[in-house]
Amino acid sequence: MKIFKSLFTVAIAGLVSVSAMADNGKKAQQTLKVDTKASSFNWLGKKITGEHNGTINIQNGALVVDGDKLVGGDFTIDINSIKVLDVKDPEYNAKLTGHLKAPDFFDAAKYPTATFKITKATPKGGTNYDIAGNLTINGVTQAITFPATVSIDKKGTASASAKFEVDRTKFGSKYASKSFFDTIGDKAIYDNFTVEVKLAAAKAGV
């Protein structure tokens, strides 16, 4: 009976040891810091009579990876850094930039940053993903989804890119929107603006 108990104890200890080795062998998720200088955030807004485009600085961000798969992440953009690139006249450029920072659009004084947090990253084959997350602008949070491409290498570096549309009216920006002012005519500004984001990220020391 003592021999049986001893064998049983040895077997249990062996199983625990193997389990511990398996757990230790499993790579933990890693958080890769976004390189804000190597990343970009471009925007394009359209109206009946034309369009404008520009940039906004990414303040900080991170991508969470599990091996070669994206599993999460978030980033913050600096609304006060918004720039208009297509208007060359300095006076008109400053006026338009100021208007975009005003409460009619992004209210930079009250809400100086906008954020996006990934809630789900679904692999679609190769480098393609469907990204779901919460976008916060003007203090309003809305769930959005969009396609993206993400590449992660064994050195702990990653690149991601996405192009999608955002409905500004869902975040309180109704200025010159035909959805709310149906008699505005050719002064209307479209509700959706296009965002194109490119991110470069790496683990510490890479």
C-alpha atoms as a PDB file:
ATOM      1  CA  MET A   1       0.000   0.000   0.000  1.00  0.00           C
ATOM      2  CA  LYS A   2       2.859   2.379   0.843  1.00  0.00           C
ATOM      3  CA  ILE A   3       4.508   1.564  -2.490  1.00  0.00           C
ATOM      4  CA  PHE A   4       1.234   2.415  -4.325  1.00  0.00           C
ATOM      5  CA  LYS A   5       0.948   5.731  -2.487  1.00  0.00           C
ATOM      6  CA  SER A   6       4.551   6.567  -3.310  1.00  0.00           C
ATOM      7  CA  LEU A   7       4.042   5.808  -6.999  1.00  0.00           C
ATOM      8  CA  PHE A   8       0.850   7.876  -7.019  1.00  0.00           C
ATOM      9  CA  THR A   9       2.670  10.803  -5.398  1.00  0.00           C
ATOM     10  CA  VAL A  10       5.497  10.602  -7.923  1.00  0.00           C
ATOM     11  CA  ALA A  11       2.999  10.519 -10.807  1.00  0.00           C
ATOM     12  CA  ILE A  12       1.140  13.609  -9.555  1.00  0.00           C
ATOM     13  CA  ALA A  13       4.413  15.461  -9.041  1.00  0.00           C
ATOM     14  CA  GLY A  14       5.435  14.571 -12.574  1.00  0.00           C
ATOM     15  CA  LEU A  15       2.195  15.871 -14.029  1.00  0.00           C
ATOM     16  CA  VAL A  16       2.514  19.138 -12.094  1.00  0.00           C
ATOM     17  CA  SER A  17       6.100  19.520 -13.289  1.00  0.00           C
ATOM     18  CA  VAL A  18       5.165  18.916 -16.942  1.00  0.00           C
ATOM     19  CA  SER A  19       2.275  21.381 -16.651  1.00  0.00           C
ATOM     20  CA  ALA A  20       4.553  24.012 -15.164  1.00  0.00           C
ATOM     21  CA  MET A  21       7.081  23.496 -17.939  1.00  0.00           C
ATOM     22  CA  ALA A  22       4.340  23.901 -20.542  1.00  0.00           C
ATOM     23  CA  ASP A  23       3.133  27.110 -18.928  1.00  0.00           C
ATOM     24  CA  ASN A  24       6.671  28.467 -18.751  1.00  0.00           C
ATOM     25  CA  GLY A  25       7.195  27.611 -22.397  1.00  0.00           C
ATOM     26  CA  LYS A  26       4.169  29.572 -23.493  1.00  0.00           C
ATOM     27  CA  LYS A  27       4.980  33.085 -24.620  1.00  0.00           C
ATOM     28  CA  ALA A  28       3.116  35.824 -22.828  1.00  0.00           C
ATOM     29  CA  GLN A  29       1.370  38.632 -24.653  1.00  0.00           C
ATOM     30  CA  GLN A  30       3.598  41.590 -25.427  1.00  0.00           C
ATOM     31  CA  THR A  31       2.824  45.286 -25.557  1.00  0.00           C
ATOM     32  CA  LEU A  32       4.566  47.086 -28.398  1.00  0.00           C
ATOM     33  CA  LYS A  33       4.973  50.840 -28.097  1.00  0.00           C
ATOM     34  CA  VAL A  34       3.886  52.924 -31.081  1.00  0.00           C
ATOM     35  CA  ASP A  35       6.685  54.988 -32.605  1.00  0.00           C
ATOM     36  CA  THR A  36       4.834  58.277 -33.051  1.00  0.00           C
ATOM     37  CA  LYS A  37       7.506  59.733 -35.349  1.00  0.00           C
ATOM     38  CA  ALA A  38       7.343  56.760 -37.712  1.00  0.00           C
ATOM     39  CA  SER A  39       3.523  56.639 -37.645  1.00  0.00           C
ATOM     40  CA  SER A  40       0.968  58.864 -39.348  1.00  0.00           C
ATOM     41  CA  PHE A  41      -2.673  59.920 -39.090  1.00  0.00           C
ATOM     42  CA  ASN A  42      -4.178  61.558 -42.181  1.00  0.00           C
ATOM     43  CA  TRP A  43      -7.694  62.893 -42.672  1.00  0.00           C
ATOM     44  CA  LEU A  44      -9.866  63.901 -45.628  1.00  0.00           C
ATOM     45  CA  GLY A  45     -13.089  65.877 -45.333  1.00  0.00           C
ATOM     46  CA  LYS A  46     -15.441  66.622 -48.212  1.00  0.00           C
ATOM     47  CA  LYS A  47     -18.134  69.200 -48.922  1.00  0.00           C
ATOM     48  CA  ILE A  48     -20.446  69.863 -51.859  1.00  0.00           C
ATOM     49  CA  THR A  49     -17.994  72.304 -53.409  1.00  0.00           C
ATOM     50  CA  GLY A  50     -14.693  70.564 -52.679  1.00  0.00           C
ATOM     51  CA  GLU A  51     -12.568  68.885 -50.033  1.00  0.00           C
ATOM     52  CA  HIS A  52      -9.735  69.457 -47.556  1.00  0.00           C
ATOM     53  CA  ASN A  53      -7.060  67.149 -46.209  1.00  0.00           C
ATOM     54  CA  GLY A  54      -4.461  67.196 -43.494  1.00  0.00           C
ATOM     55  CA  THR A  55      -2.796  65.452 -40.587  1.00  0.00           C
ATOM     56  CA  ILE A  56      -3.090  65.028 -36.827  1.00  0.00           C
ATOM     57  CA  ASN A  57      -0.258  63.912 -34.553  1.00  0.00           C
ATOM     58  CA  ILE A  58      -0.451  60.596 -32.754  1.00  0.00           C
ATOM     59  CA  GLN A  59       0.342  61.411 -29.124  1.00  0.00           C
ATOM     60  CA  ASN A  60       0.981  57.860 -27.920  1.00  0.00           C
ATOM     61  CA  GLY A  61      -0.183  54.319 -28.480  1.00  0.00           C
ATOM     62  CA  ALA A  62       0.449  50.602 -28.134  1.00  0.00           C
ATOM     63  CA  LEU A  63      -0.324  47.348 -29.917  1.00  0.00           C
ATOM     64  CA  VAL A  64      -0.801  44.167 -27.890  1.00  0.00           C
ATOM     65  CA  VAL A  65       0.350  41.006 -29.653  1.00  0.00           C
ATOM     66  CA  ASP A  66       0.289  37.300 -28.897  1.00  0.00           C
ATOM     67  CA  GLY A  67       3.032  35.717 -30.977  1.00  0.00           C
ATOM     68  CA  ASP A  68       2.385  36.901 -34.524  1.00  0.00           C
ATOM     69  CA  LYS A  69      -1.240  37.875 -33.866  1.00  0.00           C
ATOM     70  CA  LEU A  70      -2.716  41.234 -32.912  1.00  0.00           C
ATOM     71  CA  VAL A  71      -4.994  40.937 -29.871  1.00  0.00           C
ATOM     72  CA  GLY A  72      -5.458  44.511 -28.660  1.00  0.00           C
ATOM     73  CA  GLY A  73      -4.157  48.034 -28.487  1.00  0.00           C
ATOM     74  CA  ASP A  74      -5.023  51.693 -28.203  1.00  0.00           C
ATOM     75  CA  PHE A  75      -3.803  55.100 -29.273  1.00  0.00           C
ATOM     76  CA  THR A  76      -4.373  58.764 -28.538  1.00  0.00           C
ATOM     77  CA  ILE A  77      -4.296  61.637 -31.019  1.00  0.00           C
ATOM     78  CA  ASP A  78      -3.613  65.299 -30.251  1.00  0.00           C
ATOM     79  CA  ILE A  79      -6.532  67.336 -31.611  1.00  0.00           C
ATOM     80  CA  ASN A  80      -4.639  70.608 -31.154  1.00  0.00           C
ATOM     81  CA  SER A  81      -2.014  69.376 -33.636  1.00  0.00           C
ATOM     82  CA  ILE A  82      -4.494  69.243 -36.539  1.00  0.00           C
ATOM     83  CA  LYS A  83      -3.096  70.669 -39.764  1.00  0.00           C
ATOM     84  CA  VAL A  84      -4.629  71.540 -43.138  1.00  0.00           C
ATOM     85  CA  LEU A  85      -2.280  70.641 -45.985  1.00  0.00           C
ATOM     86  CA  ASP A  86      -4.157  71.663 -49.123  1.00  0.00           C
ATOM     87  CA  VAL A  87      -4.748  75.341 -48.327  1.00  0.00           C
ATOM     88  CA  LYS A  88      -1.672  77.400 -49.214  1.00  0.00           C
ATOM     89  CA  ASP A  89      -2.934  80.850 -48.254  1.00  0.00           C
ATOM     90  CA  PRO A  90      -1.682  81.366 -44.648  1.00  0.00           C
ATOM     91  CA  GLU A  91      -4.630  83.478 -43.532  1.00  0.00           C
ATOM     92  CA  TYR A  92      -7.289  81.112 -44.877  1.00  0.00           C
ATOM     93  CA  ASN A  93      -5.347  78.106 -43.592  1.00  0.00           C
ATOM     94  CA  ALA A  94      -5.237  79.538 -40.074  1.00  0.00           C
ATOM     95  CA  LYS A  95      -8.958  80.361 -40.232  1.00  0.00           C
ATOM     96  CA  LEU A  96      -9.906  76.850 -41.364  1.00  0.00           C
ATOM     97  CA  THR A  97      -7.604  75.189 -38.835  1.00  0.00           C
ATOM     98  CA  GLY A  98      -9.097  77.290 -36.069  1.00  0.00           C
ATOM     99  CA  HIS A  99     -12.606  76.377 -37.172  1.00  0.00           C
ATOM    100  CA  LEU A 100     -11.773  72.652 -37.085  1.00  0.00           C
ATOM    101  CA  LYS A 101     -10.551  73.075 -33.489  1.00  0.00           C
ATOM    102  CA  ALA A 102     -13.717  74.972 -32.536  1.00  0.00           C
ATOM    103  CA  PRO A 103     -16.886  73.421 -31.020  1.00  0.00           C
ATOM    104  CA  ASP A 104     -18.447  73.211 -34.505  1.00  0.00           C
ATOM    105  CA  PHE A 105     -16.117  70.286 -35.183  1.00  0.00           C
ATOM    106  CA  PHE A 106     -13.660  68.923 -32.582  1.00  0.00           C
ATOM    107  CA  ASP A 107     -13.737  71.395 -29.654  1.00  0.00           C
ATOM    108  CA  ALA A 108     -10.013  71.057 -28.954  1.00  0.00           C
ATOM    109  CA  ALA A 109     -10.114  73.412 -25.960  1.00  0.00           C
ATOM    110  CA  LYS A 110     -12.545  71.154 -24.090  1.00  0.00           C
ATOM    111  CA  TYR A 111     -11.478  67.817 -25.555  1.00  0.00           C
ATOM    112  CA  PRO A 112      -7.783  68.114 -26.513  1.00  0.00           C
ATOM    113  CA  THR A 113      -7.416  64.420 -27.358  1.00  0.00           C
ATOM    114  CA  ALA A 114      -9.337  61.677 -29.117  1.00  0.00           C
ATOM    115  CA  THR A 115      -8.774  57.992 -28.388  1.00  0.00           C
ATOM    116  CA  PHE A 116      -9.341  54.579 -29.921  1.00  0.00           C
ATOM    117  CA  LYS A 117      -9.222  51.306 -27.995  1.00  0.00           C
ATOM    118  CA  ILE A 118      -9.370  47.917 -29.709  1.00  0.00           C
ATOM    119  CA  THR A 119     -11.989  45.595 -28.227  1.00  0.00           C
ATOM    120  CA  LYS A 120     -11.527  42.762 -30.738  1.00  0.00           C
ATOM    121  CA  ALA A 121      -9.056  41.946 -33.513  1.00  0.00           C
ATOM    122  CA  THR A 122     -10.308  39.179 -35.802  1.00  0.00           C
ATOM    123  CA  PRO A 123      -7.753  37.565 -38.167  1.00  0.00           C
ATOM    124  CA  LYS A 124      -9.109  37.187 -41.713  1.00  0.00           C
ATOM    125  CA  GLY A 125      -6.148  35.422 -43.286  1.00  0.00           C
ATOM    126  CA  GLY A 126      -2.642  36.617 -44.042  1.00  0.00           C
ATOM    127  CA  THR A 127      -2.116  40.117 -42.680  1.00  0.00           C
ATOM    128  CA  ASN A 128      -5.807  41.039 -42.884  1.00  0.00           C
ATOM    129  CA  TYR A 129      -7.895  41.791 -39.806  1.00  0.00           C
ATOM    130  CA  ASP A 130     -11.312  43.094 -38.890  1.00  0.00           C
ATOM    131  CA  ILE A 131     -10.855  45.582 -36.053  1.00  0.00           C
ATOM    132  CA  ALA A 132     -13.595  46.464 -33.575  1.00  0.00           C
ATOM    133  CA  GLY A 133     -13.142  49.127 -30.948  1.00  0.00           C
ATOM    134  CA  ASN A 134     -14.325  52.222 -29.140  1.00  0.00           C
ATOM    135  CA  LEU A 135     -13.600  55.621 -30.674  1.00  0.00           C
ATOM    136  CA  THR A 136     -13.927  58.671 -28.431  1.00  0.00           C
ATOM    137  CA  ILE A 137     -14.169  62.184 -29.918  1.00  0.00           C
ATOM    138  CA  ASN A 138     -15.551  65.278 -28.188  1.00  0.00           C
ATOM    139  CA  GLY A 139     -16.122  63.173 -25.090  1.00  0.00           C
ATOM    140  CA  VAL A 140     -18.493  60.867 -26.984  1.00  0.00           C
ATOM    141  CA  THR A 141     -17.654  57.171 -27.351  1.00  0.00           C
ATOM    142  CA  GLN A 142     -18.953  55.082 -30.243  1.00  0.00           C
ATOM    143  CA  ALA A 143     -18.220  51.505 -31.280  1.00  0.00           C
ATOM    144  CA  ILE A 144     -16.769  51.232 -34.783  1.00  0.00           C
ATOM    145  CA  THR A 145     -15.388  48.471 -37.010  1.00  0.00           C
ATOM    146  CA  PHE A 146     -13.039  48.592 -39.979  1.00  0.00           C
ATOM    147  CA  PRO A 147     -10.603  46.399 -41.952  1.00  0.00           C
ATOM    148  CA  ALA A 148      -6.863  46.668 -41.350  1.00  0.00           C
ATOM    149  CA  THR A 149      -3.593  45.018 -42.260  1.00  0.00           C
ATOM    150  CA  VAL A 150      -1.126  44.073 -39.529  1.00  0.00           C
ATOM    151  CA  SER A 151       2.354  42.562 -39.840  1.00  0.00           C
ATOM    152  CA  ILE A 152       4.296  41.300 -36.801  1.00  0.00           C
ATOM    153  CA  ASP A 153       7.798  39.869 -37.028  1.00  0.00           C
ATOM    154  CA  LYS A 154       9.827  37.670 -34.677  1.00  0.00           C
ATOM    155  CA  LYS A 155      11.995  40.607 -33.588  1.00  0.00           C
ATOM    156  CA  GLY A 156       9.077  42.230 -31.812  1.00  0.00           C
ATOM    157  CA  THR A 157       8.223  44.915 -34.326  1.00  0.00           C
ATOM    158  CA  ALA A 158       4.859  45.510 -35.954  1.00  0.00           C
ATOM    159  CA  SER A 159       3.282  47.667 -38.624  1.00  0.00           C
ATOM    160  CA  ALA A 160      -0.414  48.312 -39.098  1.00  0.00           C
ATOM    161  CA  SER A 161      -2.469  50.328 -41.552  1.00  0.00           C
ATOM    162  CA  ALA A 162      -6.150  51.099 -41.940  1.00  0.00           C
ATOM    163  CA  LYS A 163      -8.370  53.405 -43.956  1.00  0.00           C
ATOM    164  CA  PHE A 164     -11.964  53.972 -42.900  1.00  0.00           C
ATOM    165  CA  GLU A 165     -14.733  56.534 -42.599  1.00  0.00           C
ATOM    166  CA  VAL A 166     -16.028  58.205 -39.442  1.00  0.00           C
ATOM    167  CA  ASP A 167     -19.452  59.846 -39.146  1.00  0.00           C
ATOM    168  CA  ARG A 168     -18.692  63.115 -37.337  1.00  0.00           C
ATOM    169  CA  THR A 169     -22.349  63.698 -36.439  1.00  0.00           C
ATOM    170  CA  LYS A 170     -22.263  60.702 -34.092  1.00  0.00           C
ATOM    171  CA  PHE A 171     -19.712  62.639 -32.045  1.00  0.00           C
ATOM    172  CA  GLY A 172     -21.694  65.851 -31.820  1.00  0.00           C
ATOM    173  CA  SER A 173     -20.315  67.632 -34.898  1.00  0.00           C
ATOM    174  CA  LYS A 174     -23.430  68.688 -36.819  1.00  0.00           C
ATOM    175  CA  TYR A 175     -22.100  71.882 -38.411  1.00  0.00           C
ATOM    176  CA  ALA A 176     -23.329  72.278 -42.021  1.00  0.00           C
ATOM    177  CA  SER A 177     -24.616  68.708 -42.038  1.00  0.00           C
ATOM    178  CA  LYS A 178     -27.397  68.071 -44.525  1.00  0.00           C
ATOM    179  CA  SER A 179     -28.688  65.390 -42.168  1.00  0.00           C
ATOM    180  CA  PHE A 180     -29.726  68.154 -39.773  1.00  0.00           C
ATOM    181  CA  PHE A 181     -29.988  71.223 -42.021  1.00  0.00           C
ATOM    182  CA  ASP A 182     -31.771  70.084 -45.180  1.00  0.00           C
ATOM    183  CA  THR A 183     -31.975  73.607 -46.653  1.00  0.00           C
ATOM    184  CA  ILE A 184     -28.248  74.293 -46.492  1.00  0.00           C
ATOM    185  CA  GLY A 185     -27.767  73.622 -50.202  1.00  0.00           C
ATOM    186  CA  ASP A 186     -24.248  73.723 -51.646  1.00  0.00           C
ATOM    187  CA  LYS A 187     -22.763  74.841 -48.315  1.00  0.00           C
ATOM    188  CA  ALA A 188     -23.224  71.344 -46.909  1.00  0.00           C
ATOM    189  CA  ILE A 189     -20.275  69.428 -45.474  1.00  0.00           C
ATOM    190  CA  TYR A 190     -20.515  65.655 -45.687  1.00  0.00           C
ATOM    191  CA  ASP A 191     -21.060  63.782 -42.438  1.00  0.00           C
ATOM    192  CA  ASN A 192     -18.334  61.226 -43.080  1.00  0.00           C
ATOM    193  CA  PHE A 193     -14.646  62.051 -43.118  1.00  0.00           C
ATOM    194  CA  THR A 194     -11.930  59.588 -44.112  1.00  0.00           C
ATOM    195  CA  VAL A 195      -9.140  58.539 -41.785  1.00  0.00           C
ATOM    196  CA  GLU A 196      -5.946  56.806 -42.910  1.00  0.00           C
ATOM    197  CA  VAL A 197      -3.693  55.536 -40.142  1.00  0.00           C
ATOM    198  CA  LYS A 198      -0.267  53.909 -40.374  1.00  0.00           C
ATOM    199  CA  LEU A 199       1.373  52.637 -37.203  1.00  0.00           C
ATOM    200  CA  ALA A 200       4.877  51.385 -36.481  1.00  0.00           C
ATOM    201  CA  ALA A 201       5.432  49.723 -33.111  1.00  0.00           C
ATOM    202  CA  ALA A 202       8.149  47.776 -31.325  1.00  0.00           C
ATOM    203  CA  LYS A 203       8.933  46.269 -27.942  1.00  0.00           C
ATOM    204  CA  ALA A 204      11.372  48.058 -25.662  1.00  0.00           C
ATOM    205  CA  GLY A 205      14.965  47.887 -26.842  1.00  0.00           C
ATOM    206  CA  VAL A 206      14.165  47.049 -30.472  1.00  0.00           C
END
